[in-house]
C-alpha atoms as a PDB file:
ATOM      1  CA  MET A   1      91.511  75.551 110.116  1.00  0.00           C
ATOM      2  CA  SER A   2      92.598  78.820 108.926  1.00  0.00           C
ATOM      3  CA  THR A   3      91.516  81.588 106.671  1.00  0.00           C
ATOM      4  CA  ASP A   4      93.154  81.547 103.192  1.00  0.00           C
ATOM      5  CA  SER A   5      93.377  85.362 103.246  1.00  0.00           C
ATOM      6  CA  PRO A   6      96.843  86.597 101.766  1.00  0.00           C
ATOM      7  CA  ILE A   7      96.083  89.340 103.832  1.00  0.00           C
ATOM      8  CA  ASP A   8      97.501  89.505 107.356  1.00  0.00           C
ATOM      9  CA  PHE A   9      95.100  91.165 109.739  1.00  0.00           C
ATOM     10  CA  PHE A  10      98.323  91.930 112.164  1.00  0.00           C
ATOM     11  CA  THR A  11     101.148  92.938 109.729  1.00  0.00           C
ATOM     12  CA  ASP A  12      99.182  94.331 106.533  1.00  0.00           C
ATOM     13  CA  ASP A  13      98.964  98.341 106.514  1.00  0.00           C
ATOM     14  CA  SER A  14      96.266  98.262 103.950  1.00  0.00           C
ATOM     15  CA  ILE A  15      94.229  97.122 106.693  1.00  0.00           C
ATOM     16  CA  LEU A  16      94.455 100.196 108.749  1.00  0.00           C
ATOM     17  CA  GLU A  17      93.523 102.402 105.487  1.00  0.00           C
ATOM     18  CA  ASP A  18      90.522 100.136 104.955  1.00  0.00           C
ATOM     19  CA  PRO A  19      89.785  97.271 106.721  1.00  0.00           C
ATOM     20  CA  TYR A  20      85.945  96.497 105.426  1.00  0.00           C
ATOM     21  CA  PRO A  21      86.867  94.328 102.638  1.00  0.00           C
ATOM     22  CA  TYR A  22      88.757  91.903 104.872  1.00  0.00           C
ATOM     23  CA  TYR A  23      86.128  91.937 107.622  1.00  0.00           C
ATOM     24  CA  GLU A  24      83.838  90.896 104.310  1.00  0.00           C
ATOM     25  CA  GLN A  25      85.889  88.296 103.336  1.00  0.00           C
ATOM     26  CA  LEU A  26      85.827  86.674 106.642  1.00  0.00           C
ATOM     27  CA  ARG A  27      81.999  87.391 107.339  1.00  0.00           C
ATOM     28  CA  ALA A  28      81.448  85.410 103.639  1.00  0.00           C
ATOM     29  CA  GLN A  29      83.551  82.449 105.197  1.00  0.00           C
ATOM     30  CA  CYS A  30      81.855  81.960 108.861  1.00  0.00           C
ATOM     31  CA  PRO A  31      80.935  84.450 111.975  1.00  0.00           C
ATOM     32  CA  VAL A  32      83.423  82.699 113.926  1.00  0.00           C
ATOM     33  CA  GLN A  33      86.676  81.940 112.106  1.00  0.00           C
ATOM     34  CA  PRO A  34      90.172  80.541 113.397  1.00  0.00           C
ATOM     35  CA  ILE A  35      93.129  82.208 111.997  1.00  0.00           C
ATOM     36  CA  GLY A  36      95.758  79.374 112.609  1.00  0.00           C
ATOM     37  CA  HIS A  37      98.782  81.151 111.831  1.00  0.00           C
ATOM     38  CA  HIS A  38      98.366  83.586 114.734  1.00  0.00           C
ATOM     39  CA  ASP A  39      96.394  81.230 117.056  1.00  0.00           C
ATOM     40  CA  VAL A  40      93.492  83.484 117.154  1.00  0.00           C
ATOM     41  CA  VAL A  41      89.895  83.366 116.348  1.00  0.00           C
ATOM     42  CA  ALA A  42      88.036  86.691 114.631  1.00  0.00           C
ATOM     43  CA  VAL A  43      84.601  86.841 115.547  1.00  0.00           C
ATOM     44  CA  THR A  44      82.364  88.858 112.934  1.00  0.00           C
ATOM     45  CA  GLY A  45      79.106  87.982 113.670  1.00  0.00           C
ATOM     46  CA  TYR A  46      77.092  90.333 115.845  1.00  0.00           C
ATOM     47  CA  ASP A  47      75.039  87.761 117.510  1.00  0.00           C
ATOM     48  CA  GLU A  48      78.709  85.731 118.174  1.00  0.00           C
ATOM     49  CA  ALA A  49      80.177  88.492 119.370  1.00  0.00           C
ATOM     50  CA  ASN A  50      77.459  89.213 122.037  1.00  0.00           C
ATOM     51  CA  GLU A  51      77.292  85.726 123.067  1.00  0.00           C
ATOM     52  CA  ILE A  52      81.312  85.444 123.678  1.00  0.00           C
ATOM     53  CA  TYR A  53      81.215  88.946 125.617  1.00  0.00           C
ATOM     54  CA  ARG A  54      78.497  87.626 127.777  1.00  0.00           C
ATOM     55  CA  ASP A  55      79.803  84.182 128.413  1.00  0.00           C
ATOM     56  CA  ARG A  56      82.610  84.944 131.015  1.00  0.00           C
ATOM     57  CA  LYS A  57      84.373  81.596 131.276  1.00  0.00           C
ATOM     58  CA  SER A  58      85.304  81.578 127.385  1.00  0.00           C
ATOM     59  CA  THR A  59      86.476  85.594 127.386  1.00  0.00           C
ATOM     60  CA  ARG A  60      88.266  85.076 131.055  1.00  0.00           C
ATOM     61  CA  LEU A  61      90.229  82.123 129.265  1.00  0.00           C
ATOM     62  CA  ASN A  62      90.536  83.457 125.744  1.00  0.00           C
ATOM     63  CA  SER A  63      90.122  87.245 125.658  1.00  0.00           C
ATOM     64  CA  SER A  64      93.781  87.415 124.229  1.00  0.00           C
ATOM     65  CA  HIS A  65      93.149  85.120 121.298  1.00  0.00           C
ATOM     66  CA  LEU A  66      89.900  87.014 119.988  1.00  0.00           C
ATOM     67  CA  VAL A  67      89.707  89.584 117.393  1.00  0.00           C
ATOM     68  CA  ILE A  68      86.069  91.223 117.044  1.00  0.00           C
ATOM     69  CA  SER A  69      85.272  92.810 113.799  1.00  0.00           C
END
């Protein structure tokens, strides 16, 4: 599963100017959203982000694949 957004978090300069509409779109879909075309996971939920940061096994293995917003 991947986000259906036409905006690419990693290449779209408009996100640098105002990232909040993109973040809102991700939050509306799910607090933990796979972005398949980049093989990363966007984490937009506060509780979910805290859980990931506190789980040393998950962050150690997958920290390069997380986008926390």
